Structure formats: structure tokens, C-alpha cells
Protein backbone atom coordinates (compact mmCIF):
# COMPACT_ATOMS: atom_id res chain seq x y z
CA MET A 1 35.72 -64.73 -70.25
CA GLU A 2 38.09 -62.23 -68.68
CA PRO A 3 36.76 -59.55 -66.42
CA LEU A 4 35.97 -56.22 -67.84
CA ILE A 5 38.42 -53.59 -66.78
CA PRO A 6 37.40 -49.68 -66.59
CA ARG A 7 39.43 -46.93 -67.98
CA ALA A 8 41.99 -45.47 -65.87
CA ALA A 9 41.07 -41.67 -67.18
CA PRO A 10 37.59 -40.76 -68.48
CA PRO A 11 37.55 -40.89 -72.50
CA GLU A 12 38.05 -38.16 -74.46
CA ALA A 13 34.94 -36.38 -76.31
CA SER A 14 36.93 -35.76 -79.40
CA ALA A 15 37.63 -39.44 -79.80
CA THR A 16 34.32 -40.87 -78.80
CA SER A 17 31.72 -42.07 -81.48
CA LEU A 18 29.59 -45.28 -81.40
CA ILE A 19 28.15 -46.84 -84.25
CA THR A 20 25.14 -48.97 -84.55
CA GLU A 21 23.26 -50.38 -87.61
CA ARG A 22 21.39 -47.12 -88.16
CA LEU A 23 22.94 -44.67 -86.02
CA ARG A 24 25.97 -42.73 -84.92
CA LEU A 25 26.40 -41.68 -81.33
CA ARG A 26 28.42 -38.76 -80.84
CA PRO A 27 29.11 -35.81 -78.26
CA LEU A 28 27.02 -32.74 -78.57
CA VAL A 29 28.71 -29.90 -80.22
CA PRO A 30 27.65 -26.25 -80.81
CA GLU A 31 26.17 -26.72 -83.90
CA ASP A 32 23.65 -29.02 -82.29
CA ILE A 33 22.29 -26.29 -80.30
CA GLY A 34 19.42 -25.24 -82.46
CA ALA A 35 18.25 -28.70 -82.60
CA VAL A 36 18.38 -29.16 -79.04
CA TYR A 37 16.40 -25.98 -78.42
CA ALA A 38 13.73 -27.01 -80.71
CA ALA A 39 13.54 -30.55 -79.66
CA CYS A 40 13.12 -29.39 -75.91
CA GLN A 41 10.30 -27.33 -76.71
CA ASP A 42 8.19 -30.64 -76.58
CA PRO A 43 6.10 -30.46 -73.53
CA ASP A 44 6.57 -34.15 -72.84
CA ILE A 45 10.50 -33.69 -72.61
CA GLN A 46 9.80 -30.56 -70.07
CA ARG A 47 7.30 -32.97 -68.22
CA TRP A 48 9.37 -35.77 -67.70
CA THR A 49 13.14 -34.49 -67.54
CA THR A 50 15.22 -32.15 -65.48
CA ILE A 51 15.39 -29.53 -67.97
CA PRO A 52 14.41 -26.05 -67.25
CA SER A 53 10.59 -25.09 -68.14
CA PRO A 54 10.17 -22.92 -70.18
CA TYR A 55 13.17 -23.67 -72.08
CA GLY A 56 14.92 -20.90 -73.83
CA ARG A 57 17.86 -20.85 -76.41
CA ARG A 58 20.22 -19.63 -73.84
CA HIS A 59 19.52 -22.98 -71.69
CA ALA A 60 20.53 -25.02 -74.82
CA GLU A 61 23.54 -22.98 -75.44
CA HIS A 62 24.85 -23.21 -72.00
CA PHE A 63 24.28 -27.03 -71.75
CA VAL A 64 25.88 -27.73 -74.79
CA GLU A 65 28.70 -25.20 -74.73
CA ARG A 66 29.55 -25.29 -71.02
CA ILE A 67 27.79 -28.19 -69.20
CA VAL A 68 28.42 -30.92 -71.28
CA PRO A 69 32.14 -30.33 -72.14
CA ASP A 70 32.68 -29.63 -68.22
CA MET A 71 30.78 -33.21 -67.63
CA TRP A 72 32.66 -35.00 -70.02
CA GLU A 73 36.42 -33.90 -68.65
CA ALA A 74 35.19 -34.46 -65.15
CA GLY A 75 33.85 -37.88 -66.17
CA THR A 76 30.66 -37.86 -64.52
CA ASN A 77 28.17 -37.43 -67.36
CA PHE A 78 28.72 -38.39 -71.09
CA VAL A 79 25.73 -36.81 -73.22
CA PHE A 80 25.57 -38.07 -76.59
CA ALA A 81 23.87 -36.88 -79.76
CA VAL A 82 21.98 -39.40 -81.87
CA GLU A 83 21.98 -38.92 -85.47
CA PRO A 84 21.62 -41.36 -88.76
CA VAL A 85 24.86 -43.35 -89.17
CA GLY A 86 25.31 -41.45 -92.77
CA GLY A 87 24.40 -38.07 -91.10
CA GLY A 88 21.10 -36.32 -90.64
CA PRO A 89 18.68 -34.78 -88.23
CA LEU A 90 19.39 -35.18 -84.08
CA LEU A 91 17.30 -37.80 -83.60
CA ALA A 92 17.60 -38.27 -79.78
CA SER A 93 20.07 -37.60 -76.95
CA VAL A 94 21.47 -40.54 -74.31
CA ASN A 95 23.50 -39.84 -71.55
CA ALA A 96 25.52 -42.01 -69.22
CA HIS A 97 25.55 -40.25 -65.61
CA SER A 98 27.41 -41.51 -62.41
CA HIS A 99 25.49 -40.82 -59.09
CA THR A 100 26.39 -41.98 -55.91
CA GLY A 101 28.92 -44.78 -57.33
CA VAL A 102 26.20 -46.22 -59.62
CA TRP A 103 25.93 -45.51 -63.13
CA ALA A 104 22.65 -44.62 -64.96
CA VAL A 105 21.40 -43.72 -68.06
CA GLY A 106 18.90 -40.95 -69.37
CA TYR A 107 17.44 -40.02 -72.66
CA TRP A 108 14.89 -38.17 -74.45
CA THR A 109 13.82 -38.42 -78.37
CA VAL A 110 12.97 -35.66 -80.72
CA LYS A 111 8.84 -35.84 -80.79
CA GLU A 112 8.89 -36.59 -84.68
CA HIS A 113 11.28 -39.48 -84.62
CA ARG A 114 9.44 -41.35 -81.98
CA GLY A 115 8.24 -44.90 -82.54
CA ARG A 116 11.03 -45.93 -84.84
CA GLY A 117 13.46 -47.67 -82.32
CA HIS A 118 16.19 -44.98 -82.45
CA THR A 119 16.36 -44.53 -78.88
CA THR A 120 16.22 -48.33 -78.16
CA GLU A 121 18.93 -49.10 -80.59
CA ALA A 122 20.98 -45.94 -78.99
CA LEU A 123 20.59 -47.19 -75.34
CA ARG A 124 21.67 -50.58 -76.43
CA ALA A 125 25.07 -49.22 -77.87
CA LEU A 126 25.25 -47.06 -74.77
CA THR A 127 24.82 -49.51 -71.96
CA ARG A 128 27.48 -51.89 -73.97
CA TRP A 129 29.94 -49.04 -73.89
CA MET A 130 29.51 -48.16 -70.51
CA PHE A 131 30.11 -52.03 -69.42
CA THR A 132 33.48 -52.49 -71.66
CA GLU A 133 34.72 -48.60 -71.34
CA LEU A 134 33.69 -47.24 -68.25
CA GLY A 135 33.74 -50.44 -66.26
CA ALA A 136 30.29 -50.20 -65.02
CA ASP A 137 29.11 -53.19 -62.58
CA ARG A 138 25.36 -52.31 -63.01
CA VAL A 139 23.57 -49.45 -65.23
CA GLU A 140 20.41 -48.15 -63.48
CA TRP A 141 17.19 -46.67 -65.32
CA ARG A 142 15.00 -44.73 -63.45
CA ALA A 143 12.19 -42.35 -64.08
CA GLU A 144 9.06 -40.95 -62.66
CA ALA A 145 6.19 -43.45 -61.87
CA GLY A 146 3.78 -43.09 -64.91
CA ASN A 147 6.46 -42.36 -67.76
CA VAL A 148 5.41 -45.22 -69.71
CA GLY A 149 7.25 -43.88 -73.05
CA SER A 150 10.69 -44.34 -71.06
CA ARG A 151 9.74 -47.38 -69.44
CA ALA A 152 9.19 -48.96 -72.89
CA VAL A 153 12.16 -47.88 -74.25
CA ALA A 154 14.22 -49.50 -71.42
CA LEU A 155 12.32 -52.67 -71.63
CA LYS A 156 13.19 -53.03 -75.20
CA ALA A 157 16.83 -52.27 -74.26
CA GLY A 158 16.90 -55.09 -72.05
CA PHE A 159 16.46 -53.51 -68.46
CA VAL A 160 15.03 -55.54 -65.71
CA MET A 161 12.12 -53.71 -63.94
CA GLU A 162 13.05 -54.18 -60.06
CA GLY A 163 10.23 -51.94 -58.51
CA THR A 164 9.00 -48.53 -57.33
CA LEU A 165 11.21 -46.18 -55.13
CA ARG A 166 9.13 -43.68 -52.95
CA ALA A 167 10.21 -40.20 -53.39
CA GLY A 168 13.28 -41.83 -55.29
CA LEU A 169 13.28 -39.03 -57.74
CA LEU A 170 13.47 -35.19 -57.27
CA LEU A 171 12.27 -33.35 -60.19
CA LYS A 172 11.35 -29.61 -60.50
CA GLU A 173 12.18 -29.20 -56.53
CA THR A 174 9.53 -32.19 -55.94
CA THR A 175 10.27 -35.79 -54.82
CA ARG A 176 8.45 -38.16 -56.85
CA ASP A 177 7.92 -42.18 -56.59
CA ALA A 178 10.43 -43.50 -59.34
CA TRP A 179 10.08 -46.56 -61.31
CA ILE A 180 13.74 -48.35 -61.22
CA GLY A 181 15.25 -50.85 -63.67
CA ALA A 182 18.96 -52.30 -64.23
CA LEU A 183 20.98 -53.96 -66.45
CA LEU A 184 23.99 -55.89 -65.48
CA PRO A 185 26.99 -57.20 -67.92
CA SER A 186 25.46 -60.81 -68.18
CA ASP A 187 22.34 -59.47 -69.38
CA LEU A 188 24.36 -58.49 -72.51
CA GLY A 189 26.54 -61.68 -72.56
CA LEU A 190 29.63 -59.70 -70.98
CA PRO A 191 31.89 -60.62 -68.16
CA SER A 192 31.51 -58.70 -65.02
CA ARG A 193 34.55 -57.06 -63.01
CA ARG A 194 33.56 -58.58 -59.83
CA PRO A 195 31.62 -62.12 -58.99
CA TYR A 196 28.18 -61.98 -58.50
CA LEU A 197 26.26 -63.87 -56.02
CA PRO A 198 22.61 -63.37 -56.56
CA ALA A 199 19.74 -64.14 -53.52
CA ARG A 200 18.43 -67.59 -53.72
CA PRO A 201 14.66 -67.89 -54.45
């Protein structure tokens, strides 16, 4: 297989849409503000993610109208809305972000749409896009130790759990232990940009 070659420039939000069997992933737009605000009233989303708590409508407006477009343009964080492929309500949000040169994923699911595999399906499409379009060598998943819901989604999407990082996550101004997992291109049957030499057992 030929190695993957990353884009020379960040993908344009207006031209980016990922389609799966049941879902469409597209950049968040101002029309999503109400749905994002409503979803983020969920105490579990506020507990396990970095969003402000309490979460006001002004937070949703600033995030969707300013932060998301700026991050897309900078090529540092690509935030997608997840909706039914034929149109419908916001089901979840997934994102691909870069920290210290490593690509990682983040996600939350609207409470009433949990347990149907939507976020797992979206995450599989997102990670394939990260390898084929962004040129990622490795994609990480991190969550605060104890976030079993997020861990279950990551496992179903193919992530291999690698351990616990002490004080590996800063959340609500407190460092916390983090679970970490990763996905490699080979896990999805894709070529890698560089040769990989795993450690011998």
C-alpha cells in the first residue's frame, strides 16, 4: 500500500462532510446553537468534558460562531455535528484536535440519543478521515479515569487501551488521572506514512 500523504493545508469547513450508513458529520453552524446549548445542560457532559459549568446560551453562541470557525481555519481542531444522514436532530458532536503534535479525539452524545451506537459510528468515520486526510500517524483518546461511558465508545471504535496517566488531564482547573488509548492506521487496514517498529515482547 502507498503511504498516506497529509493535506498541505487544513480542509475547508464548507467543503467537508463525512457520510456513514446512518449518519452525516458536518461542521457546526449557527443553526446548531440551540441544540448545542440544550445538549450541554446535561450534568454528565458538564462533568466529564471541558465545557463551562454552568453552561449558558452565550457559551454555545461563542463556541459555534467564533471558536469553531477559528479552529477550523487554524487547522487545530475540527468540530463536527453528528446528525441522521437524511437530516434530523443533533445526535452528538465529535472532534479531531491536535495537542503537542499528536492528533486526538473528543466527543459527547446528546442524552436522549445514547445507547444506539451513533457516536461509535461517527468516531470510526472521523478517525479514518484523520488518517487519510490529516495524515495522522496515531490518534489518541483520553478521558478522566472513571469515565466508563467514553471508554466504552472508544473500545467499540477500535481504540486499544494503553494505560493510566497520573495527572494526565487538566479538567476544571484540576489535574486528574487519565485513561489513554490509541488507534493506528494499521488498526483500520490503512497504510502508515512512516515505518512502524513495535517493541518486541
